[in-house]
Amino acid sequence: MKNQFLEITDPIHDFIRLNSTEQKIIDTSVFQRLRRIKQLSGAHLTYPGAQHTRFEHSLGVMHIAGMAGTSLASKKQMPEQTLMMSD
């Protein structure tokens, strides 16, 4: 099966690319319920533009965690000698 990607437009991260596994997780009812939970609690009462949800926040966290994982995976293993402190 060919890898299918979905791109979501995000106001902070521009485009978030989702693979099929991430799409399946996001499509669950548990994840979708995050759309109804406000990230900033009652801040929208004072600041009308503060309309962020846990769903949006979770997508951003997933994106950043994926970038961190990719970065760590691409780093070469350090030789053991460089990890030891010199006398």
PDB file of N, CA and C in Angstrom:
ATOM      1  N   MET A   1       0.839  -1.184   0.000  1.00  0.00           N
ATOM      2  CA  MET A   1       0.000   0.000   0.000  1.00  0.00           C
ATOM      3  C   MET A   1       0.884   1.248   0.000  1.00  0.00           C
ATOM      4  N   LYS A   2       0.535   2.196  -0.761  1.00  0.00           N
ATOM      5  CA  LYS A   2       1.277   3.441  -0.888  1.00  0.00           C
ATOM      6  C   LYS A   2       1.039   4.313   0.347  1.00  0.00           C
ATOM      7  N   ASN A   3       2.114   4.984   0.808  1.00  0.00           N
ATOM      8  CA  ASN A   3       1.966   5.881   1.956  1.00  0.00           C
ATOM      9  C   ASN A   3       1.083   7.063   1.586  1.00  0.00           C
ATOM     10  N   GLN A   4       0.045   7.265   2.352  1.00  0.00           N
ATOM     11  CA  GLN A   4      -0.873   8.377   2.138  1.00  0.00           C
ATOM     12  C   GLN A   4      -0.606   9.429   3.212  1.00  0.00           C
ATOM     13  N   PHE A   5      -0.383  10.656   2.796  1.00  0.00           N
ATOM     14  CA  PHE A   5      -0.169  11.745   3.733  1.00  0.00           C
ATOM     15  C   PHE A   5      -1.306  12.749   3.622  1.00  0.00           C
ATOM     16  N   LEU A   6      -1.608  13.354   4.742  1.00  0.00           N
ATOM     17  CA  LEU A   6      -2.616  14.402   4.805  1.00  0.00           C
ATOM     18  C   LEU A   6      -1.924  15.636   5.373  1.00  0.00           C
ATOM     19  N   GLU A   7      -2.169  16.790   4.796  1.00  0.00           N
ATOM     20  CA  GLU A   7      -1.601  18.027   5.318  1.00  0.00           C
ATOM     21  C   GLU A   7      -2.699  18.864   5.954  1.00  0.00           C
ATOM     22  N   ILE A   8      -2.421  19.300   7.177  1.00  0.00           N
ATOM     23  CA  ILE A   8      -3.342  20.162   7.905  1.00  0.00           C
ATOM     24  C   ILE A   8      -2.697  21.539   8.003  1.00  0.00           C
ATOM     25  N   THR A   9      -3.453  22.572   7.713  1.00  0.00           N
ATOM     26  CA  THR A   9      -2.950  23.937   7.846  1.00  0.00           C
ATOM     27  C   THR A   9      -3.069  24.364   9.300  1.00  0.00           C
ATOM     28  N   ASP A  10      -1.963  24.854   9.850  1.00  0.00           N
ATOM     29  CA  ASP A  10      -1.909  25.256  11.248  1.00  0.00           C
ATOM     30  C   ASP A  10      -1.437  26.711  11.323  1.00  0.00           C
ATOM     31  N   PRO A  11      -2.058  27.544  12.171  1.00  0.00           N
ATOM     32  CA  PRO A  11      -1.666  28.954  12.230  1.00  0.00           C
ATOM     33  C   PRO A  11      -0.248  29.181  12.757  1.00  0.00           C
ATOM     34  N   ILE A  12       0.282  28.244  13.515  1.00  0.00           N
ATOM     35  CA  ILE A  12       1.623  28.401  14.082  1.00  0.00           C
ATOM     36  C   ILE A  12       2.675  27.678  13.246  1.00  0.00           C
ATOM     37  N   HIS A  13       2.380  26.440  12.857  1.00  0.00           N
ATOM     38  CA  HIS A  13       3.366  25.594  12.173  1.00  0.00           C
ATOM     39  C   HIS A  13       3.174  25.536  10.660  1.00  0.00           C
ATOM     40  N   ASP A  14       2.301  26.346  10.124  1.00  0.00           N
ATOM     41  CA  ASP A  14       1.956  26.345   8.692  1.00  0.00           C
ATOM     42  C   ASP A  14       1.305  25.020   8.309  1.00  0.00           C
ATOM     43  N   PHE A  15       2.070  24.080   7.780  1.00  0.00           N
ATOM     44  CA  PHE A  15       1.498  22.798   7.364  1.00  0.00           C
ATOM     45  C   PHE A  15       2.029  21.682   8.248  1.00  0.00           C
ATOM     46  N   ILE A  16       1.119  20.863   8.747  1.00  0.00           N
ATOM     47  CA  ILE A  16       1.489  19.678   9.515  1.00  0.00           C
ATOM     48  C   ILE A  16       1.143  18.479   8.650  1.00  0.00           C
ATOM     49  N   ARG A  17       2.141  17.668   8.357  1.00  0.00           N
ATOM     50  CA  ARG A  17       1.946  16.496   7.503  1.00  0.00           C
ATOM     51  C   ARG A  17       1.702  15.272   8.380  1.00  0.00           C
ATOM     52  N   LEU A  18       0.605  14.579   8.133  1.00  0.00           N
ATOM     53  CA  LEU A  18       0.224  13.410   8.928  1.00  0.00           C
ATOM     54  C   LEU A  18       0.359  12.142   8.099  1.00  0.00           C
ATOM     55  N   ASN A  19       0.974  11.113   8.702  1.00  0.00           N
ATOM     56  CA  ASN A  19       1.013   9.819   8.021  1.00  0.00           C
ATOM     57  C   ASN A  19      -0.259   9.045   8.361  1.00  0.00           C
ATOM     58  N   SER A  20      -0.407   7.860   7.815  1.00  0.00           N
ATOM     59  CA  SER A  20      -1.657   7.102   7.991  1.00  0.00           C
ATOM     60  C   SER A  20      -1.900   6.710   9.447  1.00  0.00           C
ATOM     61  N   THR A  21      -0.841   6.399  10.198  1.00  0.00           N
ATOM     62  CA  THR A  21      -1.008   6.044  11.611  1.00  0.00           C
ATOM     63  C   THR A  21      -1.500   7.246  12.409  1.00  0.00           C
ATOM     64  N   GLU A  22      -0.913   8.404  12.159  1.00  0.00           N
ATOM     65  CA  GLU A  22      -1.343   9.619  12.854  1.00  0.00           C
ATOM     66  C   GLU A  22      -2.782   9.968  12.495  1.00  0.00           C
ATOM     67  N   GLN A  23      -3.156   9.765  11.240  1.00  0.00           N
ATOM     68  CA  GLN A  23      -4.534  10.026  10.813  1.00  0.00           C
ATOM     69  C   GLN A  23      -5.513   9.131  11.562  1.00  0.00           C
ATOM     70  N   LYS A  24      -5.144   7.858  11.737  1.00  0.00           N
ATOM     71  CA  LYS A  24      -6.025   6.926  12.456  1.00  0.00           C
ATOM     72  C   LYS A  24      -6.215   7.362  13.906  1.00  0.00           C
ATOM     73  N   ILE A  25      -5.141   7.824  14.538  1.00  0.00           N
ATOM     74  CA  ILE A  25      -5.231   8.281  15.929  1.00  0.00           C
ATOM     75  C   ILE A  25      -6.119   9.518  16.022  1.00  0.00           C
ATOM     76  N   ILE A  26      -5.907  10.466  15.130  1.00  0.00           N
ATOM     77  CA  ILE A  26      -6.686  11.706  15.143  1.00  0.00           C
ATOM     78  C   ILE A  26      -8.159  11.445  14.859  1.00  0.00           C
ATOM     79  N   ASP A  27      -8.453  10.429  14.073  1.00  0.00           N
ATOM     80  CA  ASP A  27      -9.840  10.112  13.729  1.00  0.00           C
ATOM     81  C   ASP A  27     -10.606   9.398  14.840  1.00  0.00           C
ATOM     82  N   THR A  28      -9.938   9.035  15.941  1.00  0.00           N
ATOM     83  CA  THR A  28     -10.649   8.362  17.030  1.00  0.00           C
ATOM     84  C   THR A  28     -11.569   9.350  17.744  1.00  0.00           C
ATOM     85  N   SER A  29     -12.629   8.830  18.331  1.00  0.00           N
ATOM     86  CA  SER A  29     -13.582   9.702  19.033  1.00  0.00           C
ATOM     87  C   SER A  29     -12.935  10.367  20.245  1.00  0.00           C
ATOM     88  N   VAL A  30     -12.007   9.671  20.890  1.00  0.00           N
ATOM     89  CA  VAL A  30     -11.332  10.235  22.064  1.00  0.00           C
ATOM     90  C   VAL A  30     -10.533  11.476  21.670  1.00  0.00           C
ATOM     91  N   PHE A  31      -9.804  11.389  20.565  1.00  0.00           N
ATOM     92  CA  PHE A  31      -9.011  12.534  20.109  1.00  0.00           C
ATOM     93  C   PHE A  31      -9.920  13.661  19.626  1.00  0.00           C
ATOM     94  N   GLN A  32     -10.992  13.315  18.952  1.00  0.00           N
ATOM     95  CA  GLN A  32     -11.912  14.330  18.429  1.00  0.00           C
ATOM     96  C   GLN A  32     -12.599  15.115  19.549  1.00  0.00           C
ATOM     97  N   ARG A  33     -12.763  14.487  20.718  1.00  0.00           N
ATOM     98  CA  ARG A  33     -13.381  15.198  21.848  1.00  0.00           C
ATOM     99  C   ARG A  33     -12.547  16.386  22.305  1.00  0.00           C
ATOM    100  N   LEU A  34     -11.241  16.366  21.970  1.00  0.00           N
ATOM    101  CA  LEU A  34     -10.370  17.478  22.348  1.00  0.00           C
ATOM    102  C   LEU A  34     -10.789  18.785  21.684  1.00  0.00           C
ATOM    103  N   ARG A  35     -11.568  18.696  20.619  1.00  0.00           N
ATOM    104  CA  ARG A  35     -12.053  19.895  19.929  1.00  0.00           C
ATOM    105  C   ARG A  35     -12.970  20.728  20.828  1.00  0.00           C
ATOM    106  N   ARG A  36     -13.596  20.076  21.819  1.00  0.00           N
ATOM    107  CA  ARG A  36     -14.558  20.770  22.682  1.00  0.00           C
ATOM    108  C   ARG A  36     -13.936  21.310  23.975  1.00  0.00           C
ATOM    109  N   ILE A  37     -12.639  21.062  24.168  1.00  0.00           N
ATOM    110  CA  ILE A  37     -11.972  21.517  25.392  1.00  0.00           C
ATOM    111  C   ILE A  37     -11.091  22.716  25.054  1.00  0.00           C
ATOM    112  N   LYS A  38     -11.336  23.824  25.715  1.00  0.00           N
ATOM    113  CA  LYS A  38     -10.561  25.040  25.453  1.00  0.00           C
ATOM    114  C   LYS A  38      -9.183  24.930  26.108  1.00  0.00           C
ATOM    115  N   GLN A  39      -8.157  25.235  25.351  1.00  0.00           N
ATOM    116  CA  GLN A  39      -6.784  25.189  25.851  1.00  0.00           C
ATOM    117  C   GLN A  39      -6.545  26.269  26.898  1.00  0.00           C
ATOM    118  N   LEU A  40      -7.153  27.422  26.712  1.00  0.00           N
ATOM    119  CA  LEU A  40      -6.887  28.570  27.574  1.00  0.00           C
ATOM    120  C   LEU A  40      -8.007  28.832  28.574  1.00  0.00           C
ATOM    121  N   SER A  41      -8.810  27.824  28.841  1.00  0.00           N
ATOM    122  CA  SER A  41      -9.892  27.902  29.819  1.00  0.00           C
ATOM    123  C   SER A  41     -10.796  29.105  29.548  1.00  0.00           C
ATOM    124  N   GLY A  42     -10.918  30.002  30.500  1.00  0.00           N
ATOM    125  CA  GLY A  42     -11.824  31.143  30.342  1.00  0.00           C
ATOM    126  C   GLY A  42     -11.164  32.393  29.788  1.00  0.00           C
ATOM    127  N   ALA A  43      -9.947  32.274  29.292  1.00  0.00           N
ATOM    128  CA  ALA A  43      -9.229  33.446  28.767  1.00  0.00           C
ATOM    129  C   ALA A  43      -9.972  34.093  27.604  1.00  0.00           C
ATOM    130  N   HIS A  44     -10.786  33.313  26.883  1.00  0.00           N
ATOM    131  CA  HIS A  44     -11.518  33.872  25.740  1.00  0.00           C
ATOM    132  C   HIS A  44     -12.557  34.914  26.171  1.00  0.00           C
ATOM    133  N   LEU A  45     -12.923  34.912  27.444  1.00  0.00           N
ATOM    134  CA  LEU A  45     -13.872  35.906  27.946  1.00  0.00           C
ATOM    135  C   LEU A  45     -13.225  37.293  28.021  1.00  0.00           C
ATOM    136  N   THR A  46     -11.929  37.319  28.312  1.00  0.00           N
ATOM    137  CA  THR A  46     -11.186  38.579  28.370  1.00  0.00           C
ATOM    138  C   THR A  46     -10.531  38.905  27.038  1.00  0.00           C
ATOM    139  N   TYR A  47      -9.991  37.866  26.401  1.00  0.00           N
ATOM    140  CA  TYR A  47      -9.285  38.024  25.122  1.00  0.00           C
ATOM    141  C   TYR A  47     -10.041  37.244  24.052  1.00  0.00           C
ATOM    142  N   PRO A  48     -10.903  37.885  23.289  1.00  0.00           N
ATOM    143  CA  PRO A  48     -11.750  37.184  22.316  1.00  0.00           C
ATOM    144  C   PRO A  48     -10.983  36.351  21.287  1.00  0.00           C
ATOM    145  N   GLY A  49      -9.740  36.686  21.034  1.00  0.00           N
ATOM    146  CA  GLY A  49      -8.950  35.928  20.062  1.00  0.00           C
ATOM    147  C   GLY A  49      -8.387  34.635  20.622  1.00  0.00           C
ATOM    148  N   ALA A  50      -8.512  34.423  21.923  1.00  0.00           N
ATOM    149  CA  ALA A  50      -7.962  33.226  22.565  1.00  0.00           C
ATOM    150  C   ALA A  50      -8.961  32.074  22.441  1.00  0.00           C
ATOM    151  N   GLN A  51      -9.071  31.523  21.262  1.00  0.00           N
ATOM    152  CA  GLN A  51     -10.054  30.471  20.987  1.00  0.00           C
ATOM    153  C   GLN A  51      -9.388  29.136  20.651  1.00  0.00           C
ATOM    154  N   HIS A  52      -8.295  28.809  21.299  1.00  0.00           N
ATOM    155  CA  HIS A  52      -7.552  27.601  20.978  1.00  0.00           C
ATOM    156  C   HIS A  52      -8.109  26.405  21.744  1.00  0.00           C
ATOM    157  N   THR A  53      -8.058  25.244  21.118  1.00  0.00           N
ATOM    158  CA  THR A  53      -8.565  24.025  21.759  1.00  0.00           C
ATOM    159  C   THR A  53      -7.419  23.062  22.049  1.00  0.00           C
ATOM    160  N   ARG A  54      -7.700  22.074  22.886  1.00  0.00           N
ATOM    161  CA  ARG A  54      -6.721  21.023  23.170  1.00  0.00           C
ATOM    162  C   ARG A  54      -6.408  20.230  21.908  1.00  0.00           C
ATOM    163  N   PHE A  55      -7.371  20.145  20.996  1.00  0.00           N
ATOM    164  CA  PHE A  55      -7.160  19.455  19.722  1.00  0.00           C
ATOM    165  C   PHE A  55      -6.041  20.142  18.937  1.00  0.00           C
ATOM    166  N   GLU A  56      -6.154  21.456  18.765  1.00  0.00           N
ATOM    167  CA  GLU A  56      -5.130  22.213  18.032  1.00  0.00           C
ATOM    168  C   GLU A  56      -3.779  22.111  18.730  1.00  0.00           C
ATOM    169  N   HIS A  57      -3.796  22.221  20.048  1.00  0.00           N
ATOM    170  CA  HIS A  57      -2.568  22.128  20.830  1.00  0.00           C
ATOM    171  C   HIS A  57      -1.918  20.755  20.644  1.00  0.00           C
ATOM    172  N   SER A  58      -2.722  19.703  20.690  1.00  0.00           N
ATOM    173  CA  SER A  58      -2.200  18.341  20.548  1.00  0.00           C
ATOM    174  C   SER A  58      -1.599  18.101  19.168  1.00  0.00           C
ATOM    175  N   LEU A  59      -2.199  18.680  18.130  1.00  0.00           N
ATOM    176  CA  LEU A  59      -1.623  18.565  16.787  1.00  0.00           C
ATOM    177  C   LEU A  59      -0.250  19.230  16.737  1.00  0.00           C
ATOM    178  N   GLY A  60      -0.129  20.391  17.354  1.00  0.00           N
ATOM    179  CA  GLY A  60       1.157  21.086  17.388  1.00  0.00           C
ATOM    180  C   GLY A  60       2.207  20.319  18.168  1.00  0.00           C
ATOM    181  N   VAL A  61       1.810  19.743  19.307  1.00  0.00           N
ATOM    182  CA  VAL A  61       2.730  18.939  20.114  1.00  0.00           C
ATOM    183  C   VAL A  61       3.190  17.719  19.326  1.00  0.00           C
ATOM    184  N   MET A  62       2.261  17.064  18.630  1.00  0.00           N
ATOM    185  CA  MET A  62       2.612  15.905  17.808  1.00  0.00           C
ATOM    186  C   MET A  62       3.621  16.300  16.731  1.00  0.00           C
ATOM    187  N   HIS A  63       3.397  17.447  16.115  1.00  0.00           N
ATOM    188  CA  HIS A  63       4.284  17.930  15.055  1.00  0.00           C
ATOM    189  C   HIS A  63       5.693  18.185  15.598  1.00  0.00           C
ATOM    190  N   ILE A  64       5.789  18.884  16.720  1.00  0.00           N
ATOM    191  CA  ILE A  64       7.095  19.203  17.306  1.00  0.00           C
ATOM    192  C   ILE A  64       7.796  17.938  17.795  1.00  0.00           C
ATOM    193  N   ALA A  65       7.056  17.014  18.420  1.00  0.00           N
ATOM    194  CA  ALA A  65       7.654  15.756  18.874  1.00  0.00           C
ATOM    195  C   ALA A  65       8.176  14.947  17.690  1.00  0.00           C
ATOM    196  N   GLY A  66       7.442  14.954  16.587  1.00  0.00           N
ATOM    197  CA  GLY A  66       7.898  14.257  15.384  1.00  0.00           C
ATOM    198  C   GLY A  66       9.167  14.864  14.827  1.00  0.00           C
ATOM    199  N   MET A  67       9.250  16.193  14.834  1.00  0.00           N
ATOM    200  CA  MET A  67      10.469  16.867  14.366  1.00  0.00           C
ATOM    201  C   MET A  67      11.651  16.535  15.273  1.00  0.00           C
ATOM    202  N   ALA A  68      11.419  16.498  16.589  1.00  0.00           N
ATOM    203  CA  ALA A  68      12.486  16.165  17.534  1.00  0.00           C
ATOM    204  C   ALA A  68      12.950  14.726  17.330  1.00  0.00           C
ATOM    205  N   GLY A  69      12.006  13.805  17.153  1.00  0.00           N
ATOM    206  CA  GLY A  69      12.358  12.403  16.914  1.00  0.00           C
ATOM    207  C   GLY A  69      13.152  12.223  15.638  1.00  0.00           C
ATOM    208  N   THR A  70      12.744  12.908  14.583  1.00  0.00           N
ATOM    209  CA  THR A  70      13.463  12.836  13.308  1.00  0.00           C
ATOM    210  C   THR A  70      14.873  13.388  13.458  1.00  0.00           C
ATOM    211  N   SER A  71      15.004  14.485  14.184  1.00  0.00           N
ATOM    212  CA  SER A  71      16.318  15.090  14.402  1.00  0.00           C
ATOM    213  C   SER A  71      17.226  14.154  15.191  1.00  0.00           C
ATOM    214  N   LEU A  72      16.691  13.554  16.251  1.00  0.00           N
ATOM    215  CA  LEU A  72      17.493  12.630  17.054  1.00  0.00           C
ATOM    216  C   LEU A  72      17.887  11.391  16.258  1.00  0.00           C
ATOM    217  N   ALA A  73      16.983  10.891  15.446  1.00  0.00           N
ATOM    218  CA  ALA A  73      17.268   9.695  14.649  1.00  0.00           C
ATOM    219  C   ALA A  73      18.336   9.962  13.595  1.00  0.00           C
ATOM    220  N   SER A  74      18.444  11.202  13.151  1.00  0.00           N
ATOM    221  CA  SER A  74      19.416  11.519  12.101  1.00  0.00           C
ATOM    222  C   SER A  74      20.814  11.787  12.651  1.00  0.00           C
ATOM    223  N   LYS A  75      20.927  11.991  13.945  1.00  0.00           N
ATOM    224  CA  LYS A  75      22.241  12.242  14.553  1.00  0.00           C
ATOM    225  C   LYS A  75      23.051  10.954  14.553  1.00  0.00           C
ATOM    226  N   LYS A  76      24.343  11.082  14.272  1.00  0.00           N
ATOM    227  CA  LYS A  76      25.219   9.913  14.292  1.00  0.00           C
ATOM    228  C   LYS A  76      25.557   9.565  15.728  1.00  0.00           C
ATOM    229  N   GLN A  77      25.786   8.278  15.960  1.00  0.00           N
ATOM    230  CA  GLN A  77      26.183   7.799  17.279  1.00  0.00           C
ATOM    231  C   GLN A  77      27.555   8.371  17.608  1.00  0.00           C
ATOM    232  N   MET A  78      27.694   8.948  18.786  1.00  0.00           N
ATOM    233  CA  MET A  78      28.989   9.497  19.184  1.00  0.00           C
ATOM    234  C   MET A  78      29.923   8.358  19.568  1.00  0.00           C
ATOM    235  N   PRO A  79      31.195   8.441  19.172  1.00  0.00           N
ATOM    236  CA  PRO A  79      32.153   7.411  19.602  1.00  0.00           C
ATOM    237  C   PRO A  79      32.254   7.393  21.121  1.00  0.00           C
ATOM    238  N   GLU A  80      32.475   6.216  21.671  1.00  0.00           N
ATOM    239  CA  GLU A  80      32.507   6.053  23.121  1.00  0.00           C
ATOM    240  C   GLU A  80      33.591   6.911  23.763  1.00  0.00           C
ATOM    241  N   GLN A  81      34.723   7.104  23.067  1.00  0.00           N
ATOM    242  CA  GLN A  81      35.826   7.877  23.633  1.00  0.00           C
ATOM    243  C   GLN A  81      35.410   9.324  23.915  1.00  0.00           C
ATOM    244  N   THR A  82      34.559   9.894  23.110  1.00  0.00           N
ATOM    245  CA  THR A  82      34.175  11.292  23.320  1.00  0.00           C
ATOM    246  C   THR A  82      33.220  11.445  24.495  1.00  0.00           C
ATOM    247  N   LEU A  83      32.610  10.342  24.914  1.00  0.00           N
ATOM    248  CA  LEU A  83      31.679  10.410  26.039  1.00  0.00           C
ATOM    249  C   LEU A  83      32.392  10.341  27.379  1.00  0.00           C
ATOM    250  N   MET A  84      33.637   9.809  27.392  1.00  0.00           N
ATOM    251  CA  MET A  84      34.390   9.681  28.637  1.00  0.00           C
ATOM    252  C   MET A  84      35.088  10.993  28.949  1.00  0.00           C
ATOM    253  N   MET A  85      35.118  11.327  30.224  1.00  0.00           N
ATOM    254  CA  MET A  85      35.802  12.558  30.625  1.00  0.00           C
ATOM    255  C   MET A  85      37.299  12.310  30.642  1.00  0.00           C
ATOM    256  N   SER A  86      38.069  13.284  30.173  1.00  0.00           N
ATOM    257  CA  SER A  86      39.527  13.129  30.181  1.00  0.00           C
ATOM    258  C   SER A  86      40.060  13.408  31.578  1.00  0.00           C
ATOM    259  N   ASP A  87      41.212  12.787  31.877  1.00  0.00           N
ATOM    260  CA  ASP A  87      41.837  12.970  33.203  1.00  0.00           C
ATOM    261  C   ASP A  87      42.530  14.283  33.308  1.00  0.00           C
TER     262      ASP A  87
END
